[in-house]
C-alpha atoms as a PDB file:
ATOM      1  CA  ASN A   1     139.732  61.106  85.384  1.00  0.00           C
ATOM      2  CA  VAL A   2     140.991  57.507  86.201  1.00  0.00           C
ATOM      3  CA  SER A   3     138.266  55.341  84.389  1.00  0.00           C
ATOM      4  CA  GLY A   4     140.172  52.927  82.437  1.00  0.00           C
ATOM      5  CA  LEU A   5     143.728  53.874  83.644  1.00  0.00           C
ATOM      6  CA  GLU A   6     143.497  51.365  86.674  1.00  0.00           C
ATOM      7  CA  LYS A   7     146.459  49.417  85.465  1.00  0.00           C
ATOM      8  CA  LEU A   8     148.477  52.435  84.926  1.00  0.00           C
ATOM      9  CA  THR A   9     147.552  54.420  87.948  1.00  0.00           C
ATOM     10  CA  GLY A  10     146.442  51.960  90.619  1.00  0.00           C
ATOM     11  CA  CYS A  11     143.686  53.954  91.356  1.00  0.00           C
ATOM     12  CA  PHE A  12     140.101  52.401  91.380  1.00  0.00           C
ATOM     13  CA  VAL A  13     136.541  54.615  91.502  1.00  0.00           C
ATOM     14  CA  GLU A  14     134.419  52.546  93.867  1.00  0.00           C
ATOM     15  CA  THR A  15     131.143  53.275  95.753  1.00  0.00           C
ATOM     16  CA  SER A  16     131.090  54.307  99.476  1.00  0.00           C
ATOM     17  CA  ASN A  17     127.889  55.517 101.061  1.00  0.00           C
ATOM     18  CA  GLY A  18     126.344  55.702  97.652  1.00  0.00           C
ATOM     19  CA  LEU A  19     128.888  58.031  96.372  1.00  0.00           C
ATOM     20  CA  PRO A  20     131.699  57.660  94.172  1.00  0.00           C
ATOM     21  CA  CYS A  21     135.303  57.759  95.643  1.00  0.00           C
ATOM     22  CA  VAL A  22     138.677  56.608  94.544  1.00  0.00           C
ATOM     23  CA  ARG A  23     140.938  54.287  96.163  1.00  0.00           C
ATOM     24  CA  ILE A  24     144.479  53.904  95.950  1.00  0.00           C
ATOM     25  CA  ARG A  25     145.778  50.202  96.204  1.00  0.00           C
ATOM     26  CA  PRO A  26     149.178  49.080  95.828  1.00  0.00           C
ATOM     27  CA  LYS A  27     149.855  48.964  92.006  1.00  0.00           C
ATOM     28  CA  GLU A  28     151.218  45.786  90.276  1.00  0.00           C
ATOM     29  CA  ILE A  29     153.707  46.085  87.940  1.00  0.00           C
ATOM     30  CA  ALA A  30     151.823  46.117  84.653  1.00  0.00           C
ATOM     31  CA  ALA A  31     153.092  44.179  81.600  1.00  0.00           C
ATOM     32  CA  PHE A  32     152.151  46.696  78.949  1.00  0.00           C
ATOM     33  CA  PRO A  33     151.450  45.488  75.440  1.00  0.00           C
ATOM     34  CA  ALA A  34     154.337  46.163  72.735  1.00  0.00           C
ATOM     35  CA  LYS A  35     153.687  48.285  69.760  1.00  0.00           C
ATOM     36  CA  SER A  36     153.929  46.468  66.598  1.00  0.00           C
ATOM     37  CA  THR A  37     157.627  45.894  65.082  1.00  0.00           C
ATOM     38  CA  THR A  38     156.242  45.059  61.610  1.00  0.00           C
ATOM     39  CA  GLY A  39     157.548  47.357  59.170  1.00  0.00           C
ATOM     40  CA  LEU A  40     155.148  49.607  57.312  1.00  0.00           C
ATOM     41  CA  GLN A  41     154.280  49.009  53.479  1.00  0.00           C
ATOM     42  CA  LYS A  42     154.558  51.323  50.798  1.00  0.00           C
ATOM     43  CA  PRO A  43     151.901  52.663  49.483  1.00  0.00           C
ATOM     44  CA  ILE A  44     149.987  52.167  52.825  1.00  0.00           C
ATOM     45  CA  ILE A  45     146.815  50.616  52.997  1.00  0.00           C
ATOM     46  CA  LEU A  46     144.594  51.468  55.907  1.00  0.00           C
ATOM     47  CA  ALA A  47     140.837  50.766  56.623  1.00  0.00           C
ATOM     48  CA  TRP A  48     138.780  52.595  59.704  1.00  0.00           C
ATOM     49  CA  GLU A  49     136.941  49.792  61.961  1.00  0.00           C
ATOM     50  CA  TYR A  50     133.626  51.638  63.100  1.00  0.00           C
ATOM     51  CA  VAL A  51     132.920  50.971  66.314  1.00  0.00           C
ATOM     52  CA  THR A  52     130.289  52.439  68.420  1.00  0.00           C
ATOM     53  CA  SER A  53     130.119  50.192  71.577  1.00  0.00           C
ATOM     54  CA  TYR A  54     132.156  47.168  71.270  1.00  0.00           C
ATOM     55  CA  SER A  55     134.661  46.092  68.846  1.00  0.00           C
ATOM     56  CA  PRO A  56     134.161  43.027  66.761  1.00  0.00           C
ATOM     57  CA  GLU A  57     135.760  39.534  67.408  1.00  0.00           C
ATOM     58  CA  LEU A  58     138.550  40.148  65.136  1.00  0.00           C
ATOM     59  CA  ALA A  59     139.999  36.768  65.814  1.00  0.00           C
ATOM     60  CA  GLN A  60     136.855  35.132  64.192  1.00  0.00           C
ATOM     61  CA  GLU A  61     137.386  37.045  61.240  1.00  0.00           C
ATOM     62  CA  PRO A  62     139.576  35.873  58.257  1.00  0.00           C
ATOM     63  CA  VAL A  63     142.979  37.733  57.501  1.00  0.00           C
ATOM     64  CA  ILE A  64     142.984  40.449  55.012  1.00  0.00           C
ATOM     65  CA  SER A  65     146.193  40.214  52.682  1.00  0.00           C
ATOM     66  CA  GLY A  66     147.577  43.808  52.136  1.00  0.00           C
ATOM     67  CA  LEU A  67     146.062  45.504  54.997  1.00  0.00           C
ATOM     68  CA  ASP A  68     148.657  46.801  57.217  1.00  0.00           C
ATOM     69  CA  VAL A  69     147.172  49.561  59.424  1.00  0.00           C
ATOM     70  CA  ILE A  70     143.724  49.371  61.151  1.00  0.00           C
ATOM     71  CA  SER A  71     142.312  52.556  62.655  1.00  0.00           C
ATOM     72  CA  PRO A  72     139.310  51.501  65.083  1.00  0.00           C
ATOM     73  CA  THR A  73     136.897  54.549  66.182  1.00  0.00           C
ATOM     74  CA  TRP A  74     137.779  53.975  69.844  1.00  0.00           C
ATOM     75  CA  PHE A  75     137.972  57.360  71.050  1.00  0.00           C
ATOM     76  CA  ASN A  76     136.045  60.600  71.688  1.00  0.00           C
ATOM     77  CA  LEU A  77     136.405  63.895  73.078  1.00  0.00           C
ATOM     78  CA  THR A  78     133.253  63.916  75.229  1.00  0.00           C
ATOM     79  CA  GLU A  79     133.625  67.104  77.503  1.00  0.00           C
ATOM     80  CA  SER A  80     135.121  70.682  76.524  1.00  0.00           C
ATOM     81  CA  SER A  81     137.276  69.915  79.792  1.00  0.00           C
ATOM     82  CA  GLY A  82     139.345  67.409  77.826  1.00  0.00           C
ATOM     83  CA  LEU A  83     137.756  64.072  78.884  1.00  0.00           C
ATOM     84  CA  VAL A  84     137.978  61.149  76.475  1.00  0.00           C
ATOM     85  CA  SER A  85     135.929  58.212  75.927  1.00  0.00           C
ATOM     86  CA  ASN A  86     137.174  54.617  75.568  1.00  0.00           C
ATOM     87  CA  ARG A  87     135.978  52.071  73.905  1.00  0.00           C
ATOM     88  CA  VAL A  88     139.167  49.836  73.332  1.00  0.00           C
ATOM     89  CA  SER A  89     139.193  46.336  73.000  1.00  0.00           C
ATOM     90  CA  PRO A  90     142.543  44.606  74.337  1.00  0.00           C
ATOM     91  CA  SER A  91     141.875  41.339  72.622  1.00  0.00           C
ATOM     92  CA  TYR A  92     141.139  43.068  69.444  1.00  0.00           C
ATOM     93  CA  ALA A  93     144.399  45.149  69.683  1.00  0.00           C
ATOM     94  CA  GLY A  94     146.360  41.925  70.433  1.00  0.00           C
ATOM     95  CA  GLU A  95     144.895  40.055  67.630  1.00  0.00           C
ATOM     96  CA  ALA A  96     145.503  43.050  65.143  1.00  0.00           C
ATOM     97  CA  HIS A  97     149.298  42.827  66.265  1.00  0.00           C
ATOM     98  CA  ARG A  98     149.483  39.158  66.123  1.00  0.00           C
ATOM     99  CA  ARG A  99     148.362  39.586  62.549  1.00  0.00           C
ATOM    100  CA  GLY A 100     151.072  42.279  61.716  1.00  0.00           C
ATOM    101  CA  MET A 101     148.950  45.247  61.372  1.00  0.00           C
ATOM    102  CA  LYS A 102     149.578  48.689  62.908  1.00  0.00           C
ATOM    103  CA  ILE A 103     146.911  50.397  64.996  1.00  0.00           C
ATOM    104  CA  TRP A 104     146.431  54.048  64.582  1.00  0.00           C
ATOM    105  CA  ALA A 105     143.464  54.549  66.740  1.00  0.00           C
ATOM    106  CA  LEU A 106     140.956  57.184  65.542  1.00  0.00           C
ATOM    107  CA  VAL A 107     140.187  59.726  67.961  1.00  0.00           C
ATOM    108  CA  SER A 108     137.138  62.572  67.600  1.00  0.00           C
ATOM    109  CA  ASN A 109     135.703  65.178  68.676  1.00  0.00           C
ATOM    110  CA  SER A 110     132.075  63.659  68.709  1.00  0.00           C
ATOM    111  CA  PHE A 111     131.532  66.120  65.553  1.00  0.00           C
ATOM    112  CA  ASN A 112     130.237  68.712  68.064  1.00  0.00           C
ATOM    113  CA  GLY A 113     131.300  72.103  67.088  1.00  0.00           C
ATOM    114  CA  GLN A 114     130.425  74.079  70.298  1.00  0.00           C
ATOM    115  CA  MET A 115     131.975  71.768  72.831  1.00  0.00           C
ATOM    116  CA  THR A 116     135.137  71.749  70.486  1.00  0.00           C
ATOM    117  CA  LYS A 117     135.314  75.270  70.237  1.00  0.00           C
ATOM    118  CA  GLU A 118     135.347  75.625  74.282  1.00  0.00           C
ATOM    119  CA  PHE A 119     137.829  72.793  74.592  1.00  0.00           C
ATOM    120  CA  LEU A 120     140.240  74.163  72.141  1.00  0.00           C
ATOM    121  CA  LYS A 121     140.481  77.650  73.998  1.00  0.00           C
ATOM    122  CA  ASN A 122     141.104  75.742  77.362  1.00  0.00           C
ATOM    123  CA  GLU A 123     144.946  74.814  77.842  1.00  0.00           C
ATOM    124  CA  LYS A 124     144.307  72.549  80.521  1.00  0.00           C
ATOM    125  CA  ALA A 125     141.611  70.841  78.840  1.00  0.00           C
ATOM    126  CA  ARG A 126     143.786  70.277  75.827  1.00  0.00           C
ATOM    127  CA  LYS A 127     146.939  69.154  78.287  1.00  0.00           C
ATOM    128  CA  LEU A 128     144.584  66.412  80.001  1.00  0.00           C
ATOM    129  CA  PHE A 129     143.408  65.466  76.549  1.00  0.00           C
ATOM    130  CA  ILE A 130     146.989  64.906  75.296  1.00  0.00           C
ATOM    131  CA  ALA A 131     148.047  63.086  78.356  1.00  0.00           C
ATOM    132  CA  GLN A 132     144.962  60.478  78.192  1.00  0.00           C
ATOM    133  CA  LEU A 133     146.042  59.617  74.659  1.00  0.00           C
ATOM    134  CA  LEU A 134     149.558  59.141  75.759  1.00  0.00           C
ATOM    135  CA  ALA A 135     148.091  56.856  78.803  1.00  0.00           C
ATOM    136  CA  PHE A 136     145.997  54.892  76.553  1.00  0.00           C
ATOM    137  CA  SER A 137     148.589  54.257  74.053  1.00  0.00           C
ATOM    138  CA  LYS A 138     150.888  52.695  76.844  1.00  0.00           C
ATOM    139  CA  LEU A 139     147.789  50.502  78.015  1.00  0.00           C
ATOM    140  CA  TYR A 140     146.889  49.093  74.829  1.00  0.00           C
ATOM    141  CA  GLY A 141     150.278  49.081  72.844  1.00  0.00           C
ATOM    142  CA  LEU A 142     148.863  51.565  70.158  1.00  0.00           C
ATOM    143  CA  ASP A 143     151.170  52.531  67.074  1.00  0.00           C
ATOM    144  CA  GLY A 144     149.702  55.921  66.397  1.00  0.00           C
ATOM    145  CA  PHE A 145     146.382  58.231  66.503  1.00  0.00           C
ATOM    146  CA  ASN A 146     144.047  59.311  63.665  1.00  0.00           C
ATOM    147  CA  PHE A 147     142.598  62.821  64.126  1.00  0.00           C
ATOM    148  CA  ASP A 148     138.901  63.072  63.015  1.00  0.00           C
ATOM    149  CA  PHE A 149     137.616  66.311  63.816  1.00  0.00           C
ATOM    150  CA  GLU A 150     134.917  67.523  61.873  1.00  0.00           C
ATOM    151  CA  ARG A 151     132.040  70.216  61.928  1.00  0.00           C
ATOM    152  CA  VAL A 152     134.724  72.578  63.810  1.00  0.00           C
ATOM    153  CA  ASP A 153     133.850  76.315  63.624  1.00  0.00           C
ATOM    154  CA  VAL A 154     135.893  78.072  60.858  1.00  0.00           C
ATOM    155  CA  ALA A 155     136.874  80.515  63.424  1.00  0.00           C
ATOM    156  CA  ASP A 156     138.442  77.461  65.334  1.00  0.00           C
ATOM    157  CA  ARG A 157     140.511  76.264  62.441  1.00  0.00           C
ATOM    158  CA  ASP A 158     143.535  77.895  63.777  1.00  0.00           C
ATOM    159  CA  ALA A 159     142.929  76.374  67.430  1.00  0.00           C
ATOM    160  CA  PHE A 160     142.595  73.138  65.833  1.00  0.00           C
ATOM    161  CA  THR A 161     146.128  73.224  64.207  1.00  0.00           C
ATOM    162  CA  GLN A 162     147.682  74.151  67.240  1.00  0.00           C
ATOM    163  CA  LEU A 163     145.929  71.362  69.108  1.00  0.00           C
ATOM    164  CA  LEU A 164     147.936  68.991  66.990  1.00  0.00           C
ATOM    165  CA  ARG A 165     151.291  71.364  67.069  1.00  0.00           C
ATOM    166  CA  GLU A 166     150.917  70.949  70.844  1.00  0.00           C
ATOM    167  CA  ALA A 167     150.340  67.165  70.773  1.00  0.00           C
ATOM    168  CA  ALA A 168     152.322  65.613  68.127  1.00  0.00           C
ATOM    169  CA  PRO A 169     155.826  66.458  69.731  1.00  0.00           C
ATOM    170  CA  TYR A 170     154.627  64.373  72.782  1.00  0.00           C
ATOM    171  CA  LEU A 171     153.003  61.562  70.725  1.00  0.00           C
ATOM    172  CA  LYS A 172     156.221  61.434  68.329  1.00  0.00           C
ATOM    173  CA  GLU A 173     158.490  61.208  71.045  1.00  0.00           C
ATOM    174  CA  ALA A 174     156.473  58.046  72.586  1.00  0.00           C
ATOM    175  CA  GLY A 175     157.041  56.610  69.002  1.00  0.00           C
ATOM    176  CA  LEU A 176     153.592  57.082  67.868  1.00  0.00           C
ATOM    177  CA  VAL A 177     152.481  57.970  64.234  1.00  0.00           C
ATOM    178  CA  VAL A 178     150.213  61.136  63.892  1.00  0.00           C
ATOM    179  CA  SER A 179     147.505  61.469  61.302  1.00  0.00           C
ATOM    180  CA  VAL A 180     144.535  63.693  60.704  1.00  0.00           C
ATOM    181  CA  ASP A 181     141.363  63.282  58.349  1.00  0.00           C
ATOM    182  CA  VAL A 182     140.861  66.640  56.426  1.00  0.00           C
ATOM    183  CA  HIS A 183     138.082  67.744  54.174  1.00  0.00           C
ATOM    184  CA  LYS A 184     138.338  67.962  50.262  1.00  0.00           C
ATOM    185  CA  PRO A 185     139.378  71.706  49.540  1.00  0.00           C
ATOM    186  CA  ALA A 186     136.122  73.583  48.714  1.00  0.00           C
ATOM    187  CA  ASN A 187     134.441  76.961  49.132  1.00  0.00           C
ATOM    188  CA  THR A 188     132.266  75.805  52.160  1.00  0.00           C
ATOM    189  CA  ASN A 189     132.479  76.421  55.917  1.00  0.00           C
ATOM    190  CA  MET A 190     132.872  72.572  56.566  1.00  0.00           C
ATOM    191  CA  SER A 191     136.072  72.698  54.182  1.00  0.00           C
ATOM    192  CA  LYS A 192     137.789  75.898  55.317  1.00  0.00           C
ATOM    193  CA  SER A 193     137.588  74.608  58.827  1.00  0.00           C
ATOM    194  CA  HIS A 194     140.779  72.323  57.982  1.00  0.00           C
ATOM    195  CA  ASP A 195     143.917  74.329  57.168  1.00  0.00           C
ATOM    196  CA  ARG A 196     145.336  71.293  55.146  1.00  0.00           C
ATOM    197  CA  LYS A 197     148.699  72.986  54.535  1.00  0.00           C
ATOM    198  CA  ALA A 198     149.423  73.949  58.380  1.00  0.00           C
ATOM    199  CA  LEU A 199     148.200  70.309  59.585  1.00  0.00           C
ATOM    200  CA  GLY A 200     150.262  68.712  56.686  1.00  0.00           C
ATOM    201  CA  SER A 201     153.692  70.315  58.194  1.00  0.00           C
ATOM    202  CA  VAL A 202     152.578  69.060  61.849  1.00  0.00           C
ATOM    203  CA  VAL A 203     151.536  65.408  61.283  1.00  0.00           C
ATOM    204  CA  ASP A 204     153.162  62.312  59.631  1.00  0.00           C
ATOM    205  CA  TYR A 205     150.074  61.462  57.300  1.00  0.00           C
ATOM    206  CA  VAL A 206     146.761  63.383  56.084  1.00  0.00           C
ATOM    207  CA  MET A 207     143.992  61.390  54.943  1.00  0.00           C
ATOM    208  CA  VAL A 208     141.581  63.624  52.563  1.00  0.00           C
ATOM    209  CA  MET A 209     138.130  62.273  52.667  1.00  0.00           C
ATOM    210  CA  ALA A 210     137.483  62.011  49.168  1.00  0.00           C
ATOM    211  CA  TYR A 211     133.937  60.661  49.331  1.00  0.00           C
ATOM    212  CA  ASP A 212     130.494  62.159  49.635  1.00  0.00           C
ATOM    213  CA  GLN A 213     130.273  64.078  46.623  1.00  0.00           C
ATOM    214  CA  HIS A 214     126.744  63.395  46.643  1.00  0.00           C
ATOM    215  CA  TRP A 215     126.055  63.121  50.462  1.00  0.00           C
ATOM    216  CA  SER A 216     122.767  60.930  51.842  1.00  0.00           C
ATOM    217  CA  SER A 217     120.246  64.153  51.898  1.00  0.00           C
ATOM    218  CA  CYS A 218     121.836  65.609  48.642  1.00  0.00           C
ATOM    219  CA  PRO A 219     119.166  67.007  46.536  1.00  0.00           C
ATOM    220  CA  THR A 220     120.370  65.309  43.370  1.00  0.00           C
ATOM    221  CA  ALA A 221     121.313  61.676  42.864  1.00  0.00           C
ATOM    222  CA  GLY A 222     124.729  60.935  41.918  1.00  0.00           C
ATOM    223  CA  SER A 223     128.387  58.573  42.952  1.00  0.00           C
ATOM    224  CA  VAL A 224     129.650  58.789  46.248  1.00  0.00           C
ATOM    225  CA  ALA A 225     133.065  60.128  44.577  1.00  0.00           C
ATOM    226  CA  ASP A 226     133.106  59.581  40.939  1.00  0.00           C
ATOM    227  CA  LEU A 227     136.968  59.519  39.400  1.00  0.00           C
ATOM    228  CA  PRO A 228     137.155  62.860  38.101  1.00  0.00           C
ATOM    229  CA  TRP A 229     135.905  64.548  41.350  1.00  0.00           C
ATOM    230  CA  THR A 230     138.146  62.265  43.392  1.00  0.00           C
ATOM    231  CA  LYS A 231     141.294  63.317  40.929  1.00  0.00           C
ATOM    232  CA  HIS A 232     140.276  66.999  41.544  1.00  0.00           C
ATOM    233  CA  ALA A 233     140.270  66.607  45.392  1.00  0.00           C
ATOM    234  CA  VAL A 234     143.735  65.137  45.210  1.00  0.00           C
ATOM    235  CA  HIS A 235     144.997  67.772  42.932  1.00  0.00           C
ATOM    236  CA  LEU A 236     143.634  70.474  44.973  1.00  0.00           C
ATOM    237  CA  THR A 237     145.185  68.883  48.170  1.00  0.00           C
ATOM    238  CA  LEU A 238     148.502  68.578  46.772  1.00  0.00           C
ATOM    239  CA  GLN A 239     148.243  72.152  45.565  1.00  0.00           C
ATOM    240  CA  GLU A 240     147.354  73.764  49.065  1.00  0.00           C
ATOM    241  CA  GLY A 241     150.852  72.152  50.153  1.00  0.00           C
ATOM    242  CA  VAL A 242     150.223  68.709  51.495  1.00  0.00           C
ATOM    243  CA  PRO A 243     153.111  66.658  50.572  1.00  0.00           C
ATOM    244  CA  ALA A 244     152.410  63.678  48.268  1.00  0.00           C
ATOM    245  CA  GLU A 245     154.528  61.391  50.578  1.00  0.00           C
ATOM    246  CA  LYS A 246     152.142  62.451  53.432  1.00  0.00           C
ATOM    247  CA  LEU A 247     148.721  61.978  51.546  1.00  0.00           C
ATOM    248  CA  LEU A 248     146.591  59.153  51.929  1.00  0.00           C
ATOM    249  CA  LEU A 249     143.634  59.006  49.630  1.00  0.00           C
ATOM    250  CA  GLY A 250     140.019  58.432  51.447  1.00  0.00           C
ATOM    251  CA  ILE A 251     138.634  55.492  49.012  1.00  0.00           C
ATOM    252  CA  PRO A 252     134.655  54.753  49.857  1.00  0.00           C
ATOM    253  CA  PHE A 253     133.605  51.067  50.350  1.00  0.00           C
ATOM    254  CA  TYR A 254     129.830  52.000  50.104  1.00  0.00           C
ATOM    255  CA  MET A 255     127.759  53.436  47.412  1.00  0.00           C
ATOM    256  CA  ARG A 256     124.072  55.043  47.667  1.00  0.00           C
ATOM    257  CA  ARG A 257     120.952  53.604  46.592  1.00  0.00           C
ATOM    258  CA  TRP A 258     118.954  56.583  45.366  1.00  0.00           C
ATOM    259  CA  GLN A 259     115.070  56.325  45.312  1.00  0.00           C
ATOM    260  CA  CYS A 260     113.786  58.759  42.769  1.00  0.00           C
ATOM    261  CA  THR A 261     110.286  59.853  42.283  1.00  0.00           C
ATOM    262  CA  PRO A 262     109.735  61.600  39.184  1.00  0.00           C
ATOM    263  CA  LEU A 263     107.987  65.151  39.354  1.00  0.00           C
ATOM    264  CA  ALA A 264     106.376  67.473  36.902  1.00  0.00           C
ATOM    265  CA  GLY A 265     109.088  69.334  34.490  1.00  0.00           C
ATOM    266  CA  GLY A 266     111.399  66.123  34.193  1.00  0.00           C
ATOM    267  CA  LYS A 267     112.441  67.018  37.702  1.00  0.00           C
ATOM    268  CA  GLU A 268     112.760  64.161  40.647  1.00  0.00           C
ATOM    269  CA  LYS A 269     112.574  63.834  44.317  1.00  0.00           C
ATOM    270  CA  VAL A 270     115.480  61.871  45.771  1.00  0.00           C
ATOM    271  CA  LYS A 271     116.422  59.927  48.757  1.00  0.00           C
ATOM    272  CA  GLY A 272     119.742  58.418  49.361  1.00  0.00           C
ATOM    273  CA  ALA A 273     120.698  55.539  51.816  1.00  0.00           C
ATOM    274  CA  THR A 274     123.977  53.640  52.386  1.00  0.00           C
ATOM    275  CA  LEU A 275     124.257  50.659  50.324  1.00  0.00           C
ATOM    276  CA  THR A 276     127.602  48.155  50.870  1.00  0.00           C
ATOM    277  CA  MET A 277     129.193  46.330  48.261  1.00  0.00           C
ATOM    278  CA  GLU A 278     127.470  43.102  49.181  1.00  0.00           C
ATOM    279  CA  GLN A 279     123.899  45.014  49.283  1.00  0.00           C
ATOM    280  CA  SER A 280     124.523  45.942  45.775  1.00  0.00           C
ATOM    281  CA  ASP A 281     125.599  42.583  44.419  1.00  0.00           C
ATOM    282  CA  GLU A 282     122.407  41.274  45.753  1.00  0.00           C
ATOM    283  CA  LEU A 283     120.448  43.732  44.061  1.00  0.00           C
ATOM    284  CA  ILE A 284     122.162  42.981  40.827  1.00  0.00           C
ATOM    285  CA  ARG A 285     121.646  39.107  41.131  1.00  0.00           C
ATOM    286  CA  LYS A 286     117.870  39.809  42.650  1.00  0.00           C
ATOM    287  CA  HIS A 287     116.871  41.920  39.655  1.00  0.00           C
ATOM    288  CA  LYS A 288     118.950  40.385  36.970  1.00  0.00           C
ATOM    289  CA  LEU A 289     120.675  43.638  36.303  1.00  0.00           C
ATOM    290  CA  THR A 290     123.429  44.401  33.800  1.00  0.00           C
ATOM    291  CA  PRO A 291     125.461  47.408  34.873  1.00  0.00           C
ATOM    292  CA  VAL A 292     126.703  49.668  32.439  1.00  0.00           C
ATOM    293  CA  TRP A 293     130.274  51.139  32.625  1.00  0.00           C
ATOM    294  CA  LEU A 294     130.249  54.847  32.612  1.00  0.00           C
ATOM    295  CA  ASP A 295     133.564  55.950  31.365  1.00  0.00           C
ATOM    296  CA  ASP A 296     133.538  59.480  32.340  1.00  0.00           C
ATOM    297  CA  LYS A 297     132.827  58.313  35.768  1.00  0.00           C
ATOM    298  CA  LYS A 298     135.337  55.301  35.637  1.00  0.00           C
ATOM    299  CA  GLN A 299     132.235  53.528  37.518  1.00  0.00           C
ATOM    300  CA  ASP A 300     129.367  51.040  36.956  1.00  0.00           C
ATOM    301  CA  TYR A 301     125.833  52.218  36.957  1.00  0.00           C
ATOM    302  CA  TYR A 302     122.646  50.465  37.134  1.00  0.00           C
ATOM    303  CA  GLU A 303     118.912  51.425  37.886  1.00  0.00           C
ATOM    304  CA  PHE A 304     115.661  49.491  38.026  1.00  0.00           C
ATOM    305  CA  LYS A 305     111.873  50.364  38.961  1.00  0.00           C
ATOM    306  CA  GLU A 306     110.372  49.570  42.099  1.00  0.00           C
ATOM    307  CA  ASN A 307     107.251  50.274  43.731  1.00  0.00           C
ATOM    308  CA  GLY A 308     106.649  53.188  41.245  1.00  0.00           C
ATOM    309  CA  GLN A 309     110.124  54.750  41.851  1.00  0.00           C
ATOM    310  CA  ILE A 310     113.188  54.528  39.843  1.00  0.00           C
ATOM    311  CA  ILE A 311     116.109  53.162  41.807  1.00  0.00           C
ATOM    312  CA  LYS A 312     119.765  54.417  40.703  1.00  0.00           C
ATOM    313  CA  VAL A 313     123.051  53.152  41.971  1.00  0.00           C
ATOM    314  CA  TRP A 314     126.383  54.543  40.936  1.00  0.00           C
ATOM    315  CA  VAL A 315     128.417  51.601  41.844  1.00  0.00           C
ATOM    316  CA  GLU A 316     131.739  51.091  44.038  1.00  0.00           C
ATOM    317  CA  ASN A 317     133.383  47.575  42.974  1.00  0.00           C
ATOM    318  CA  ALA A 318     136.553  45.890  42.014  1.00  0.00           C
ATOM    319  CA  LYS A 319     136.880  47.910  38.689  1.00  0.00           C
ATOM    320  CA  SER A 320     136.117  51.323  40.409  1.00  0.00           C
ATOM    321  CA  LEU A 321     138.597  50.588  43.292  1.00  0.00           C
ATOM    322  CA  ALA A 322     141.818  49.575  40.763  1.00  0.00           C
ATOM    323  CA  GLU A 323     140.768  53.283  39.188  1.00  0.00           C
ATOM    324  CA  ARG A 324     141.408  55.054  42.373  1.00  0.00           C
ATOM    325  CA  ALA A 325     144.443  52.696  43.009  1.00  0.00           C
ATOM    326  CA  ALA A 326     145.934  53.790  39.858  1.00  0.00           C
ATOM    327  CA  LEU A 327     145.423  57.554  41.151  1.00  0.00           C
ATOM    328  CA  ILE A 328     147.429  56.670  43.780  1.00  0.00           C
ATOM    329  CA  LYS A 329     150.392  55.664  41.829  1.00  0.00           C
ATOM    330  CA  GLU A 330     149.888  58.282  39.248  1.00  0.00           C
ATOM    331  CA  PHE A 331     150.338  60.951  42.188  1.00  0.00           C
ATOM    332  CA  ASN A 332     152.649  58.940  44.058  1.00  0.00           C
ATOM    333  CA  LEU A 333     150.471  59.254  47.225  1.00  0.00           C
ATOM    334  CA  ALA A 334     151.320  57.709  50.406  1.00  0.00           C
ATOM    335  CA  GLY A 335     148.532  55.249  50.190  1.00  0.00           C
ATOM    336  CA  ALA A 336     144.916  54.455  50.754  1.00  0.00           C
ATOM    337  CA  ALA A 337     142.607  55.165  53.603  1.00  0.00           C
ATOM    338  CA  CYS A 338     139.231  52.734  53.558  1.00  0.00           C
ATOM    339  CA  TRP A 339     135.974  54.053  54.801  1.00  0.00           C
ATOM    340  CA  ARG A 340     134.826  51.348  55.915  1.00  0.00           C
ATOM    341  CA  LYS A 341     135.814  47.605  56.876  1.00  0.00           C
ATOM    342  CA  GLY A 342     132.982  45.851  56.652  1.00  0.00           C
ATOM    343  CA  HIS A 343     131.105  47.599  53.866  1.00  0.00           C
ATOM    344  CA  GLU A 344     133.603  45.885  51.272  1.00  0.00           C
ATOM    345  CA  GLN A 345     133.550  42.489  49.200  1.00  0.00           C
ATOM    346  CA  PRO A 346     136.757  40.411  49.324  1.00  0.00           C
ATOM    347  CA  TYR A 347     137.286  41.573  45.631  1.00  0.00           C
ATOM    348  CA  ALA A 348     137.875  44.793  46.899  1.00  0.00           C
ATOM    349  CA  TRP A 349     141.450  43.786  48.852  1.00  0.00           C
ATOM    350  CA  LYS A 350     142.065  42.018  45.599  1.00  0.00           C
ATOM    351  CA  ALA A 351     141.632  45.150  43.388  1.00  0.00           C
ATOM    352  CA  LEU A 352     143.442  47.335  45.736  1.00  0.00           C
ATOM    353  CA  THR A 353     146.595  44.970  46.442  1.00  0.00           C
ATOM    354  CA  GLU A 354     146.916  44.245  42.773  1.00  0.00           C
ATOM    355  CA  GLN A 355     147.204  47.414  41.779  1.00  0.00           C
ATOM    356  CA  LEU A 356     149.131  48.985  44.961  1.00  0.00           C
ATOM    357  CA  LEU A 357     151.467  45.799  46.086  1.00  0.00           C
ATOM    358  CA  GLY A 358     151.723  43.761  42.950  1.00  0.00           C
ATOM    359  CA  ASN A 359     150.053  40.287  42.641  1.00  0.00           C
ATOM    360  CA  SER A 360     151.477  38.910  45.637  1.00  0.00           C
ATOM    361  CA  GLY A 361     149.852  41.209  48.219  1.00  0.00           C
ATOM    362  CA  LYS A 362     151.378  41.832  51.382  1.00  0.00           C
END
């Protein structure tokens, strides 16, 4: 597996008589990018950059004051043999470092439980996986990795922890920060697939994904993450043994637009769709709405009628984010991890930085 590692290995895949072959060429001495030398602020403010094919042109975007860690979704485990797909943009990495940001690249299991099962039980595959991450970190000057393994079989929870036990020493020796995303503690197979205490003892940081209280196909309409539910998620995660100084609170930059069709007996049929902050603000302007503050949820709420349906939205905005930031300070957590960059309005960063870092921001 040399694709993407040409600079490091001097090996190039070429075609000969219609078949792929590997050619070894004299290797130039590569000038590898350096990792960021900027100190890590406390509390940390991280945002995930969702990348499916190509990274955005970061140099063309405004600088975000207070954002000091970016986690682009650049890597996926794609085969049980341990092969990793690579969507890194060197220009994005360079610009992020020029802006003083750390890069903790996300690596997922493609949310494929069966492939993950076969991969985790294969020692050779695990070694190849770790070796690729080390090589990629050197090629692009990465500062860390964020492991996002979801839909893992409950039976493989210890095997996933073992993967991080094997990977962490190598990554940390290379000067890389190791972090992992975990589900909110709950009595579900999805939640039980993460051993939060064991993972917390291995990695540098744990991100609790405290959102999707009401998911897109949820049978009832509701908030993506109201404050009492979020606070309970933090409390349970700490109770399970994840140290507060390692825990980052997952914060949603999105909400859901619920289409509610009235049914007999006071019931309703609901359909949820993701709504960004900009889209929500546009709905408020378009329909001349005045959101109502729900003090028990610590969120604004609005609804309106459209094509015979009632549209309901529990809002994420500056006020709700300030409440979440206050929660981080209340529990002395390591910081915030925001899903995802591009779904927010500028006021989101202002609300977080004022609460967590003071009015001056970074």
